[in-house]
Amino acid sequence: MTRKPITEGRLKPPPISLEQLQILDTIARRGSFASAAKAMGKVPSALSYSVRKLEEDLDVLLFDRRGRVARPTEAAQALLAHASQIFQLTQAMLSQVKDLGEGWESELAIALDGSLRFDDLLPLIKDFESLEVPTHLRIRHEVLEGSWEALAEGRAALAIGMPVDTAQPAMHTAHFEQRSLGNLPWIFCIAPQHPLLKLRKAKTLSWEADLLDACTLIAVADSAQQRLPRDWGVVSHQLRLTVSNAEQKRKAILAGLGVGWLPEPFVRDELKAGALLALSVRPQRQATALRYAWSTRKRGKALQWWLGRLQIPRVRAKLLGAGS
């Protein structure tokens, strides 16, 4: 077999088709060109030509044709070692293309408001993943106006848990719909070791008027980038520590760095264990009415699946921390 000269540039390996890999695999498994040809519904000469052409392109011998059995050489064995994986990847690719052609999105971005726990979303994610569809999920955390902004700017197709009292200017268009998720209760929390409790015992502090001014308030930053961010229950002159999510806020309050409102599911265990204390303060924060909203521009099968689940009362209750 004559070795082909390198002319110029880097030598590029010749392309190998899936059909050629299938021919090699079948011959190796069947032990002869004739048996492989019969299994593939071809004539032996067609398989011989394909293998000979590949041997010339690769400049290697792929089968030892001496004797009655066609034995794959080391080169062929090395090539076939990757064939199974290639066949699997090809099948997965073709299945994905077929599914995408049937209405499944290639990606579904979901904005989860920071007032909801990611752990409560996990059962839904697991159920969706069990469908084995080609849609890639992208979960993003947003706070206050951030969820509406992500939805309006197309960074999310579905937003879950936004407060109803946000500005939501984009929701007035015909491109979005929204439904009620339910009400989320809030607890004003303080750590037992916080110095503020000593003031209370000494009766030197009026809880109704002076509590928020007397200590550092832990706040979660609004994730909106284009719209005016906002805070709830924070006055401009008040000392505060701003964090990026409710979990960080919970840990900061547990450490005695400050006080603040937290969604009841986030602190349920700590309140039971006495690691945090609930204070009754004024103004009292009422349970927040939350919504979920989605874009109607591209309503694929993945989005339809999620909307179908969100219509189930127990699913919505679970997202709000019920039963945990």
C-alpha atoms as a PDB file:
ATOM      1  CA  MET A   1       0.000   0.000   0.000  1.00  0.00           C
ATOM      2  CA  THR A   2       1.596   3.280  -1.152  1.00  0.00           C
ATOM      3  CA  ARG A   3       1.843   6.045   1.452  1.00  0.00           C
ATOM      4  CA  LYS A   4       0.378   9.310   0.201  1.00  0.00           C
ATOM      5  CA  PRO A   5       2.738  12.298   0.304  1.00  0.00           C
ATOM      6  CA  ILE A   6       2.049  15.364   2.391  1.00  0.00           C
ATOM      7  CA  THR A   7       1.822  18.344   0.084  1.00  0.00           C
ATOM      8  CA  GLU A   8       1.436  21.442   2.239  1.00  0.00           C
ATOM      9  CA  GLY A   9      -0.141  22.468   5.529  1.00  0.00           C
ATOM     10  CA  ARG A  10      -1.200  19.974   8.157  1.00  0.00           C
ATOM     11  CA  LEU A  11      -2.344  16.532   7.064  1.00  0.00           C
ATOM     12  CA  LYS A  12      -6.074  16.251   7.721  1.00  0.00           C
ATOM     13  CA  PRO A  13      -7.469  12.794   8.485  1.00  0.00           C
ATOM     14  CA  PRO A  14     -10.000  11.605   5.905  1.00  0.00           C
ATOM     15  CA  PRO A  15     -13.645  11.696   6.998  1.00  0.00           C
ATOM     16  CA  ILE A  16     -15.204   8.429   8.125  1.00  0.00           C
ATOM     17  CA  SER A  17     -18.905   7.994   7.560  1.00  0.00           C
ATOM     18  CA  LEU A  18     -21.306   6.312   9.950  1.00  0.00           C
ATOM     19  CA  GLU A  19     -22.003   3.735   7.261  1.00  0.00           C
ATOM     20  CA  GLN A  20     -18.323   2.808   7.096  1.00  0.00           C
ATOM     21  CA  LEU A  21     -18.187   2.436  10.890  1.00  0.00           C
ATOM     22  CA  GLN A  22     -21.305   0.268  10.784  1.00  0.00           C
ATOM     23  CA  ILE A  23     -19.717  -1.910   8.085  1.00  0.00           C
ATOM     24  CA  LEU A  24     -16.546  -2.345  10.134  1.00  0.00           C
ATOM     25  CA  ASP A  25     -18.532  -3.122  13.258  1.00  0.00           C
ATOM     26  CA  THR A  26     -20.746  -5.671  11.496  1.00  0.00           C
ATOM     27  CA  ILE A  27     -17.807  -7.452   9.840  1.00  0.00           C
ATOM     28  CA  ALA A  28     -15.974  -7.616  13.169  1.00  0.00           C
ATOM     29  CA  ARG A  29     -19.010  -9.056  14.930  1.00  0.00           C
ATOM     30  CA  ARG A  30     -20.038 -11.449  12.132  1.00  0.00           C
ATOM     31  CA  GLY A  31     -16.530 -12.642  11.315  1.00  0.00           C
ATOM     32  CA  SER A  32     -16.792 -12.449   7.526  1.00  0.00           C
ATOM     33  CA  PHE A  33     -17.643 -10.066   4.720  1.00  0.00           C
ATOM     34  CA  ALA A  34     -20.316 -12.425   3.387  1.00  0.00           C
ATOM     35  CA  SER A  35     -22.113 -12.778   6.720  1.00  0.00           C
ATOM     36  CA  ALA A  36     -21.944  -9.011   7.333  1.00  0.00           C
ATOM     37  CA  ALA A  37     -23.268  -8.291   3.829  1.00  0.00           C
ATOM     38  CA  LYS A  38     -26.221 -10.596   4.422  1.00  0.00           C
ATOM     39  CA  ALA A  39     -27.014  -8.913   7.754  1.00  0.00           C
ATOM     40  CA  MET A  40     -26.867  -5.452   6.188  1.00  0.00           C
ATOM     41  CA  GLY A  41     -28.772  -6.375   3.029  1.00  0.00           C
ATOM     42  CA  LYS A  42     -25.809  -5.650   0.770  1.00  0.00           C
ATOM     43  CA  VAL A  43     -23.617  -7.626  -1.598  1.00  0.00           C
ATOM     44  CA  PRO A  44     -20.155  -8.655  -0.304  1.00  0.00           C
ATOM     45  CA  SER A  45     -18.396  -6.708  -3.060  1.00  0.00           C
ATOM     46  CA  ALA A  46     -19.944  -3.445  -1.784  1.00  0.00           C
ATOM     47  CA  LEU A  47     -18.545  -4.045   1.698  1.00  0.00           C
ATOM     48  CA  SER A  48     -15.146  -5.031   0.283  1.00  0.00           C
ATOM     49  CA  TYR A  49     -14.991  -1.835  -1.767  1.00  0.00           C
ATOM     50  CA  SER A  50     -15.968   0.333   1.227  1.00  0.00           C
ATOM     51  CA  VAL A  51     -13.364  -1.250   3.514  1.00  0.00           C
ATOM     52  CA  ARG A  52     -10.637  -1.126   0.847  1.00  0.00           C
ATOM     53  CA  LYS A  53     -11.388   2.559   0.183  1.00  0.00           C
ATOM     54  CA  LEU A  54     -11.164   3.335   3.912  1.00  0.00           C
ATOM     55  CA  GLU A  55      -7.910   1.408   4.226  1.00  0.00           C
ATOM     56  CA  GLU A  56      -6.434   3.459   1.383  1.00  0.00           C
ATOM     57  CA  ASP A  57      -7.611   6.721   2.933  1.00  0.00           C
ATOM     58  CA  LEU A  58      -6.232   5.830   6.355  1.00  0.00           C
ATOM     59  CA  ASP A  59      -3.163   4.039   4.980  1.00  0.00           C
ATOM     60  CA  VAL A  60      -3.674   1.137   7.399  1.00  0.00           C
ATOM     61  CA  LEU A  61      -4.831  -2.460   7.136  1.00  0.00           C
ATOM     62  CA  LEU A  62      -8.156  -2.954   8.926  1.00  0.00           C
ATOM     63  CA  PHE A  63      -8.816  -6.677   8.438  1.00  0.00           C
ATOM     64  CA  ASP A  64      -6.623  -9.739   8.114  1.00  0.00           C
ATOM     65  CA  ARG A  65      -8.365 -11.519   5.250  1.00  0.00           C
ATOM     66  CA  ARG A  66      -6.282 -14.672   5.408  1.00  0.00           C
ATOM     67  CA  GLY A  67      -8.366 -17.685   6.289  1.00  0.00           C
ATOM     68  CA  ARG A  68     -12.117 -18.021   6.518  1.00  0.00           C
ATOM     69  CA  VAL A  69     -12.516 -15.434   9.293  1.00  0.00           C
ATOM     70  CA  ALA A  70     -11.951 -11.698   8.735  1.00  0.00           C
ATOM     71  CA  ARG A  71      -9.991 -10.666  11.800  1.00  0.00           C
ATOM     72  CA  PRO A  72      -9.859  -6.954  12.718  1.00  0.00           C
ATOM     73  CA  THR A  73      -6.345  -5.607  13.091  1.00  0.00           C
ATOM     74  CA  GLU A  74      -5.187  -3.509  16.055  1.00  0.00           C
ATOM     75  CA  ALA A  75      -5.947  -0.401  13.993  1.00  0.00           C
ATOM     76  CA  ALA A  76      -9.502  -1.563  13.387  1.00  0.00           C
ATOM     77  CA  GLN A  77      -9.961  -2.461  17.033  1.00  0.00           C
ATOM     78  CA  ALA A  78      -8.822   1.007  18.061  1.00  0.00           C
ATOM     79  CA  LEU A  79     -11.257   2.518  15.586  1.00  0.00           C
ATOM     80  CA  LEU A  80     -14.145   0.322  16.722  1.00  0.00           C
ATOM     81  CA  ALA A  81     -13.460   1.090  20.379  1.00  0.00           C
ATOM     82  CA  HIS A  82     -15.038   4.496  19.782  1.00  0.00           C
ATOM     83  CA  ALA A  83     -17.745   3.341  17.381  1.00  0.00           C
ATOM     84  CA  SER A  84     -20.268   2.368  20.074  1.00  0.00           C
ATOM     85  CA  GLN A  85     -20.073   5.808  21.668  1.00  0.00           C
ATOM     86  CA  ILE A  86     -20.373   7.472  18.266  1.00  0.00           C
ATOM     87  CA  PHE A  87     -23.465   5.411  17.473  1.00  0.00           C
ATOM     88  CA  GLN A  88     -25.049   6.383  20.813  1.00  0.00           C
ATOM     89  CA  LEU A  89     -24.276  10.080  20.372  1.00  0.00           C
ATOM     90  CA  THR A  90     -25.638  10.006  16.849  1.00  0.00           C
ATOM     91  CA  GLN A  91     -28.862   8.361  17.999  1.00  0.00           C
ATOM     92  CA  ALA A  92     -29.223  10.893  20.802  1.00  0.00           C
ATOM     93  CA  MET A  93     -28.636  13.735  18.358  1.00  0.00           C
ATOM     94  CA  LEU A  94     -31.230  12.415  15.918  1.00  0.00           C
ATOM     95  CA  SER A  95     -33.740  11.925  18.745  1.00  0.00           C
ATOM     96  CA  GLN A  96     -33.134  15.470  19.943  1.00  0.00           C
ATOM     97  CA  VAL A  97     -33.609  16.889  16.459  1.00  0.00           C
ATOM     98  CA  LYS A  98     -36.827  14.907  16.112  1.00  0.00           C
ATOM     99  CA  ASP A  99     -38.106  16.118  19.495  1.00  0.00           C
ATOM    100  CA  LEU A 100     -37.214  19.722  18.747  1.00  0.00           C
ATOM    101  CA  GLY A 101     -39.089  19.417  15.491  1.00  0.00           C
ATOM    102  CA  GLU A 102     -42.131  18.289  17.478  1.00  0.00           C
ATOM    103  CA  GLY A 103     -42.282  21.472  19.564  1.00  0.00           C
ATOM    104  CA  TRP A 104     -39.825  21.020  22.454  1.00  0.00           C
ATOM    105  CA  GLU A 105     -37.713  24.091  23.125  1.00  0.00           C
ATOM    106  CA  SER A 106     -33.948  23.742  23.040  1.00  0.00           C
ATOM    107  CA  GLU A 107     -33.827  25.744  26.306  1.00  0.00           C
ATOM    108  CA  LEU A 108     -36.332  26.965  28.883  1.00  0.00           C
ATOM    109  CA  ALA A 109     -35.185  29.722  31.236  1.00  0.00           C
ATOM    110  CA  ILE A 110     -37.097  30.008  34.521  1.00  0.00           C
ATOM    111  CA  ALA A 111     -36.721  32.936  36.923  1.00  0.00           C
ATOM    112  CA  LEU A 112     -37.347  31.890  40.531  1.00  0.00           C
ATOM    113  CA  ASP A 113     -37.963  34.772  42.912  1.00  0.00           C
ATOM    114  CA  GLY A 114     -35.657  34.907  45.908  1.00  0.00           C
ATOM    115  CA  SER A 115     -38.581  34.662  48.329  1.00  0.00           C
ATOM    116  CA  LEU A 116     -39.008  30.995  47.332  1.00  0.00           C
ATOM    117  CA  ARG A 117     -36.666  28.165  48.282  1.00  0.00           C
ATOM    118  CA  PHE A 118     -34.837  26.347  45.514  1.00  0.00           C
ATOM    119  CA  ASP A 119     -35.330  23.073  47.428  1.00  0.00           C
ATOM    120  CA  ASP A 120     -39.091  23.394  46.899  1.00  0.00           C
ATOM    121  CA  LEU A 121     -38.559  23.653  43.145  1.00  0.00           C
ATOM    122  CA  LEU A 122     -36.389  20.524  42.952  1.00  0.00           C
ATOM    123  CA  PRO A 123     -39.293  17.995  42.770  1.00  0.00           C
ATOM    124  CA  LEU A 124     -40.624  19.790  39.691  1.00  0.00           C
ATOM    125  CA  ILE A 125     -37.190  19.837  38.087  1.00  0.00           C
ATOM    126  CA  LYS A 126     -36.780  16.096  38.745  1.00  0.00           C
ATOM    127  CA  ASP A 127     -40.192  15.333  37.235  1.00  0.00           C
ATOM    128  CA  PHE A 128     -39.342  17.364  34.155  1.00  0.00           C
ATOM    129  CA  GLU A 129     -35.922  15.746  33.731  1.00  0.00           C
ATOM    130  CA  SER A 130     -37.556  12.315  33.912  1.00  0.00           C
ATOM    131  CA  LEU A 131     -39.346  13.118  30.640  1.00  0.00           C
ATOM    132  CA  GLU A 132     -35.964  12.803  28.876  1.00  0.00           C
ATOM    133  CA  VAL A 133     -36.784  15.551  26.392  1.00  0.00           C
ATOM    134  CA  PRO A 134     -34.111  17.697  24.690  1.00  0.00           C
ATOM    135  CA  THR A 135     -35.029  20.898  26.527  1.00  0.00           C
ATOM    136  CA  HIS A 136     -32.217  22.312  28.627  1.00  0.00           C
ATOM    137  CA  LEU A 137     -33.445  24.003  31.818  1.00  0.00           C
ATOM    138  CA  ARG A 138     -31.813  27.220  32.995  1.00  0.00           C
ATOM    139  CA  ILE A 139     -32.843  28.316  36.498  1.00  0.00           C
ATOM    140  CA  ARG A 140     -32.016  31.871  37.562  1.00  0.00           C
ATOM    141  CA  HIS A 141     -32.662  33.591  40.889  1.00  0.00           C
ATOM    142  CA  GLU A 142     -34.208  37.049  40.830  1.00  0.00           C
ATOM    143  CA  VAL A 143     -35.446  39.438  43.521  1.00  0.00           C
ATOM    144  CA  LEU A 144     -38.430  41.848  43.445  1.00  0.00           C
ATOM    145  CA  GLU A 145     -38.364  43.733  40.111  1.00  0.00           C
ATOM    146  CA  GLY A 146     -35.697  41.406  38.739  1.00  0.00           C
ATOM    147  CA  SER A 147     -38.148  38.641  37.843  1.00  0.00           C
ATOM    148  CA  TRP A 148     -40.356  40.949  35.816  1.00  0.00           C
ATOM    149  CA  GLU A 149     -37.317  42.452  34.137  1.00  0.00           C
ATOM    150  CA  ALA A 150     -35.956  39.030  33.167  1.00  0.00           C
ATOM    151  CA  LEU A 151     -39.341  38.115  31.717  1.00  0.00           C
ATOM    152  CA  ALA A 152     -39.800  41.401  29.851  1.00  0.00           C
ATOM    153  CA  GLU A 153     -36.306  41.312  28.338  1.00  0.00           C
ATOM    154  CA  GLY A 154     -36.576  37.698  27.209  1.00  0.00           C
ATOM    155  CA  ARG A 155     -33.994  36.321  29.654  1.00  0.00           C
ATOM    156  CA  ALA A 156     -36.708  34.074  31.091  1.00  0.00           C
ATOM    157  CA  ALA A 157     -39.804  32.507  29.540  1.00  0.00           C
ATOM    158  CA  LEU A 158     -41.382  31.737  32.923  1.00  0.00           C
ATOM    159  CA  ALA A 159     -41.096  33.656  36.199  1.00  0.00           C
ATOM    160  CA  ILE A 160     -42.283  32.136  39.477  1.00  0.00           C
ATOM    161  CA  GLY A 161     -42.944  33.926  42.755  1.00  0.00           C
ATOM    162  CA  MET A 162     -42.990  37.639  41.914  1.00  0.00           C
ATOM    163  CA  PRO A 163     -44.772  39.961  44.358  1.00  0.00           C
ATOM    164  CA  VAL A 164     -47.997  41.362  42.978  1.00  0.00           C
ATOM    165  CA  ASP A 165     -47.197  44.878  44.205  1.00  0.00           C
ATOM    166  CA  THR A 166     -44.177  45.362  41.925  1.00  0.00           C
ATOM    167  CA  ALA A 167     -44.395  47.812  39.043  1.00  0.00           C
ATOM    168  CA  GLN A 168     -44.615  45.101  36.326  1.00  0.00           C
ATOM    169  CA  PRO A 169     -44.878  47.556  33.390  1.00  0.00           C
ATOM    170  CA  ALA A 170     -44.242  44.812  30.836  1.00  0.00           C
ATOM    171  CA  MET A 171     -47.233  42.835  32.059  1.00  0.00           C
ATOM    172  CA  HIS A 172     -49.614  45.317  30.492  1.00  0.00           C
ATOM    173  CA  THR A 173     -48.763  44.065  27.012  1.00  0.00           C
ATOM    174  CA  ALA A 174     -50.411  41.209  25.167  1.00  0.00           C
ATOM    175  CA  HIS A 175     -47.199  39.161  25.257  1.00  0.00           C
ATOM    176  CA  PHE A 176     -47.490  37.981  28.864  1.00  0.00           C
ATOM    177  CA  GLU A 177     -49.957  36.197  31.098  1.00  0.00           C
ATOM    178  CA  GLN A 178     -49.941  35.745  34.856  1.00  0.00           C
ATOM    179  CA  ARG A 179     -51.732  33.706  37.502  1.00  0.00           C
ATOM    180  CA  SER A 180     -51.873  33.640  41.283  1.00  0.00           C
ATOM    181  CA  LEU A 181     -49.338  31.432  43.055  1.00  0.00           C
ATOM    182  CA  GLY A 182     -50.586  32.043  46.594  1.00  0.00           C
ATOM    183  CA  ASN A 183     -49.708  33.970  49.733  1.00  0.00           C
ATOM    184  CA  LEU A 184     -46.343  33.827  51.497  1.00  0.00           C
ATOM    185  CA  PRO A 185     -46.138  34.734  55.225  1.00  0.00           C
ATOM    186  CA  TRP A 186     -43.157  36.680  56.626  1.00  0.00           C
ATOM    187  CA  ILE A 187     -41.507  36.592  60.055  1.00  0.00           C
ATOM    188  CA  PHE A 188     -39.450  39.380  61.621  1.00  0.00           C
ATOM    189  CA  CYS A 189     -36.426  37.500  62.986  1.00  0.00           C
ATOM    190  CA  ILE A 190     -33.688  38.126  65.495  1.00  0.00           C
ATOM    191  CA  ALA A 191     -30.974  35.908  66.964  1.00  0.00           C
ATOM    192  CA  PRO A 192     -31.216  35.187  70.722  1.00  0.00           C
ATOM    193  CA  GLN A 193     -27.753  36.665  71.288  1.00  0.00           C
ATOM    194  CA  HIS A 194     -28.567  39.989  69.598  1.00  0.00           C
ATOM    195  CA  PRO A 195     -27.910  43.028  71.865  1.00  0.00           C
ATOM    196  CA  LEU A 196     -31.357  44.402  71.037  1.00  0.00           C
ATOM    197  CA  LEU A 197     -32.971  41.827  73.304  1.00  0.00           C
ATOM    198  CA  LYS A 198     -31.208  43.321  76.327  1.00  0.00           C
ATOM    199  CA  LEU A 199     -32.753  46.697  75.532  1.00  0.00           C
ATOM    200  CA  ARG A 200     -36.157  45.114  75.358  1.00  0.00           C
ATOM    201  CA  LYS A 201     -35.774  43.489  78.751  1.00  0.00           C
ATOM    202  CA  ALA A 202     -34.746  46.866  80.186  1.00  0.00           C
ATOM    203  CA  LYS A 203     -37.877  48.392  78.651  1.00  0.00           C
ATOM    204  CA  THR A 204     -35.876  51.167  77.054  1.00  0.00           C
ATOM    205  CA  LEU A 205     -37.032  50.508  73.524  1.00  0.00           C
ATOM    206  CA  SER A 206     -40.437  50.981  71.955  1.00  0.00           C
ATOM    207  CA  TRP A 207     -40.893  48.049  69.573  1.00  0.00           C
ATOM    208  CA  GLU A 208     -43.543  49.819  67.560  1.00  0.00           C
ATOM    209  CA  ALA A 209     -41.629  52.992  66.752  1.00  0.00           C
ATOM    210  CA  ASP A 210     -37.909  52.528  67.269  1.00  0.00           C
ATOM    211  CA  LEU A 211     -37.029  48.933  66.461  1.00  0.00           C
ATOM    212  CA  LEU A 212     -35.910  49.422  62.861  1.00  0.00           C
ATOM    213  CA  ASP A 213     -33.863  52.510  63.702  1.00  0.00           C
ATOM    214  CA  ALA A 214     -32.049  50.930  66.632  1.00  0.00           C
ATOM    215  CA  CYS A 215     -30.132  48.198  64.812  1.00  0.00           C
ATOM    216  CA  THR A 216     -28.771  47.057  61.484  1.00  0.00           C
ATOM    217  CA  LEU A 217     -31.378  45.717  59.103  1.00  0.00           C
ATOM    218  CA  ILE A 218     -30.386  42.858  56.797  1.00  0.00           C
ATOM    219  CA  ALA A 219     -31.756  43.504  53.303  1.00  0.00           C
ATOM    220  CA  VAL A 220     -31.750  41.541  50.049  1.00  0.00           C
ATOM    221  CA  ALA A 221     -30.776  43.547  46.988  1.00  0.00           C
ATOM    222  CA  ASP A 222     -33.242  43.925  44.146  1.00  0.00           C
ATOM    223  CA  SER A 223     -31.800  42.088  41.149  1.00  0.00           C
ATOM    224  CA  ALA A 224     -33.262  44.506  38.562  1.00  0.00           C
ATOM    225  CA  GLN A 225     -30.588  46.175  36.442  1.00  0.00           C
ATOM    226  CA  GLN A 226     -32.592  48.517  34.232  1.00  0.00           C
ATOM    227  CA  ARG A 227     -35.477  49.468  36.494  1.00  0.00           C
ATOM    228  CA  LEU A 228     -35.327  51.387  39.727  1.00  0.00           C
ATOM    229  CA  PRO A 229     -34.591  48.847  42.480  1.00  0.00           C
ATOM    230  CA  ARG A 230     -36.591  48.994  45.676  1.00  0.00           C
ATOM    231  CA  ASP A 231     -36.498  47.853  49.295  1.00  0.00           C
ATOM    232  CA  TRP A 232     -39.340  46.966  51.642  1.00  0.00           C
ATOM    233  CA  GLY A 233     -39.469  48.465  55.128  1.00  0.00           C
ATOM    234  CA  VAL A 234     -36.095  50.213  54.970  1.00  0.00           C
ATOM    235  CA  VAL A 235     -35.692  53.925  55.634  1.00  0.00           C
ATOM    236  CA  SER A 236     -32.919  55.937  54.031  1.00  0.00           C
ATOM    237  CA  HIS A 237     -31.043  56.760  57.253  1.00  0.00           C
ATOM    238  CA  GLN A 238     -31.186  53.221  58.630  1.00  0.00           C
ATOM    239  CA  LEU A 239     -28.059  51.117  59.025  1.00  0.00           C
ATOM    240  CA  ARG A 240     -28.245  48.092  56.793  1.00  0.00           C
ATOM    241  CA  LEU A 241     -26.301  45.146  55.472  1.00  0.00           C
ATOM    242  CA  THR A 242     -27.325  44.187  51.934  1.00  0.00           C
ATOM    243  CA  VAL A 243     -26.925  40.639  50.671  1.00  0.00           C
ATOM    244  CA  SER A 244     -27.888  38.943  47.416  1.00  0.00           C
ATOM    245  CA  ASN A 245     -30.400  36.298  48.497  1.00  0.00           C
ATOM    246  CA  ALA A 246     -32.637  35.125  51.333  1.00  0.00           C
ATOM    247  CA  GLU A 247     -30.283  32.321  52.357  1.00  0.00           C
ATOM    248  CA  GLN A 248     -27.475  34.817  52.949  1.00  0.00           C
ATOM    249  CA  LYS A 249     -29.900  37.012  54.874  1.00  0.00           C
ATOM    250  CA  ARG A 250     -30.933  34.088  57.078  1.00  0.00           C
ATOM    251  CA  LYS A 251     -27.301  33.303  57.900  1.00  0.00           C
ATOM    252  CA  ALA A 252     -26.514  36.948  58.645  1.00  0.00           C
ATOM    253  CA  ILE A 253     -29.412  37.156  61.095  1.00  0.00           C
ATOM    254  CA  LEU A 254     -28.394  33.846  62.688  1.00  0.00           C
ATOM    255  CA  ALA A 255     -24.916  35.329  63.196  1.00  0.00           C
ATOM    256  CA  GLY A 256     -26.416  38.287  65.087  1.00  0.00           C
ATOM    257  CA  LEU A 257     -25.348  40.818  62.461  1.00  0.00           C
ATOM    258  CA  GLY A 258     -28.800  42.348  62.244  1.00  0.00           C
ATOM    259  CA  VAL A 259     -32.522  41.731  62.043  1.00  0.00           C
ATOM    260  CA  GLY A 260     -35.078  41.525  59.296  1.00  0.00           C
ATOM    261  CA  TRP A 261     -38.078  39.956  57.624  1.00  0.00           C
ATOM    262  CA  LEU A 262     -37.733  36.493  56.141  1.00  0.00           C
ATOM    263  CA  PRO A 263     -40.212  34.198  54.380  1.00  0.00           C
ATOM    264  CA  GLU A 264     -41.591  31.793  56.987  1.00  0.00           C
ATOM    265  CA  PRO A 265     -40.405  28.601  55.181  1.00  0.00           C
ATOM    266  CA  PHE A 266     -36.798  29.843  55.299  1.00  0.00           C
ATOM    267  CA  VAL A 267     -36.786  30.070  59.109  1.00  0.00           C
ATOM    268  CA  ARG A 268     -39.312  27.415  60.134  1.00  0.00           C
ATOM    269  CA  ASP A 269     -36.708  24.998  61.488  1.00  0.00           C
ATOM    270  CA  GLU A 270     -34.686  27.712  63.252  1.00  0.00           C
ATOM    271  CA  LEU A 271     -37.779  29.063  64.972  1.00  0.00           C
ATOM    272  CA  LYS A 272     -38.675  25.581  66.240  1.00  0.00           C
ATOM    273  CA  ALA A 273     -35.145  25.012  67.495  1.00  0.00           C
ATOM    274  CA  GLY A 274     -34.891  28.426  69.122  1.00  0.00           C
ATOM    275  CA  ALA A 275     -31.963  29.459  66.928  1.00  0.00           C
ATOM    276  CA  LEU A 276     -34.062  32.445  65.828  1.00  0.00           C
ATOM    277  CA  LEU A 277     -36.818  34.370  67.577  1.00  0.00           C
ATOM    278  CA  ALA A 278     -39.895  35.880  65.964  1.00  0.00           C
ATOM    279  CA  LEU A 279     -40.714  39.444  67.009  1.00  0.00           C
ATOM    280  CA  SER A 280     -44.037  41.202  66.729  1.00  0.00           C
ATOM    281  CA  VAL A 281     -43.258  44.643  65.357  1.00  0.00           C
ATOM    282  CA  ARG A 282     -45.085  47.485  63.700  1.00  0.00           C
ATOM    283  CA  PRO A 283     -45.706  48.057  60.895  1.00  0.00           C
ATOM    284  CA  GLN A 284     -46.559  44.368  60.523  1.00  0.00           C
ATOM    285  CA  ARG A 285     -45.733  42.833  57.179  1.00  0.00           C
ATOM    286  CA  GLN A 286     -48.721  41.052  55.735  1.00  0.00           C
ATOM    287  CA  ALA A 287     -48.458  37.836  53.771  1.00  0.00           C
ATOM    288  CA  THR A 288     -47.276  38.653  50.249  1.00  0.00           C
ATOM    289  CA  ALA A 289     -49.464  37.721  47.306  1.00  0.00           C
ATOM    290  CA  LEU A 290     -47.207  36.045  44.733  1.00  0.00           C
ATOM    291  CA  ARG A 291     -47.739  35.339  41.061  1.00  0.00           C
ATOM    292  CA  TYR A 292     -46.221  33.366  38.249  1.00  0.00           C
ATOM    293  CA  ALA A 293     -46.085  34.821  34.760  1.00  0.00           C
ATOM    294  CA  TRP A 294     -44.943  33.675  31.342  1.00  0.00           C
ATOM    295  CA  SER A 295     -44.292  34.869  27.828  1.00  0.00           C
ATOM    296  CA  THR A 296     -46.901  33.992  25.218  1.00  0.00           C
ATOM    297  CA  ARG A 297     -44.573  34.662  22.291  1.00  0.00           C
ATOM    298  CA  LYS A 298     -43.034  31.178  22.159  1.00  0.00           C
ATOM    299  CA  ARG A 299     -45.132  28.649  24.023  1.00  0.00           C
ATOM    300  CA  GLY A 300     -43.399  25.337  23.403  1.00  0.00           C
ATOM    301  CA  LYS A 301     -44.077  21.968  24.982  1.00  0.00           C
ATOM    302  CA  ALA A 302     -41.659  22.491  27.881  1.00  0.00           C
ATOM    303  CA  LEU A 303     -43.340  25.722  28.933  1.00  0.00           C
ATOM    304  CA  GLN A 304     -46.752  24.077  28.541  1.00  0.00           C
ATOM    305  CA  TRP A 305     -45.627  21.254  30.836  1.00  0.00           C
ATOM    306  CA  TRP A 306     -44.553  23.699  33.549  1.00  0.00           C
ATOM    307  CA  LEU A 307     -47.745  25.730  33.247  1.00  0.00           C
ATOM    308  CA  GLY A 308     -49.775  22.544  33.525  1.00  0.00           C
ATOM    309  CA  ARG A 309     -48.010  21.632  36.760  1.00  0.00           C
ATOM    310  CA  LEU A 310     -48.447  25.121  38.187  1.00  0.00           C
ATOM    311  CA  GLN A 311     -52.202  24.795  37.746  1.00  0.00           C
ATOM    312  CA  ILE A 312     -52.205  22.033  40.387  1.00  0.00           C
ATOM    313  CA  PRO A 313     -52.968  23.471  43.872  1.00  0.00           C
ATOM    314  CA  ARG A 314     -50.656  21.099  45.767  1.00  0.00           C
ATOM    315  CA  VAL A 315     -47.768  22.036  43.449  1.00  0.00           C
ATOM    316  CA  ARG A 316     -48.276  25.717  44.150  1.00  0.00           C
ATOM    317  CA  ALA A 317     -48.571  24.999  47.878  1.00  0.00           C
ATOM    318  CA  LYS A 318     -45.305  23.049  47.799  1.00  0.00           C
ATOM    319  CA  LEU A 319     -43.520  25.960  46.132  1.00  0.00           C
ATOM    320  CA  LEU A 320     -44.735  28.143  49.002  1.00  0.00           C
ATOM    321  CA  GLY A 321     -43.178  25.778  51.520  1.00  0.00           C
ATOM    322  CA  ALA A 322     -46.194  23.719  52.536  1.00  0.00           C
ATOM    323  CA  GLY A 323     -45.537  20.234  53.881  1.00  0.00           C
ATOM    324  CA  SER A 324     -41.836  20.762  54.461  1.00  0.00           C
END
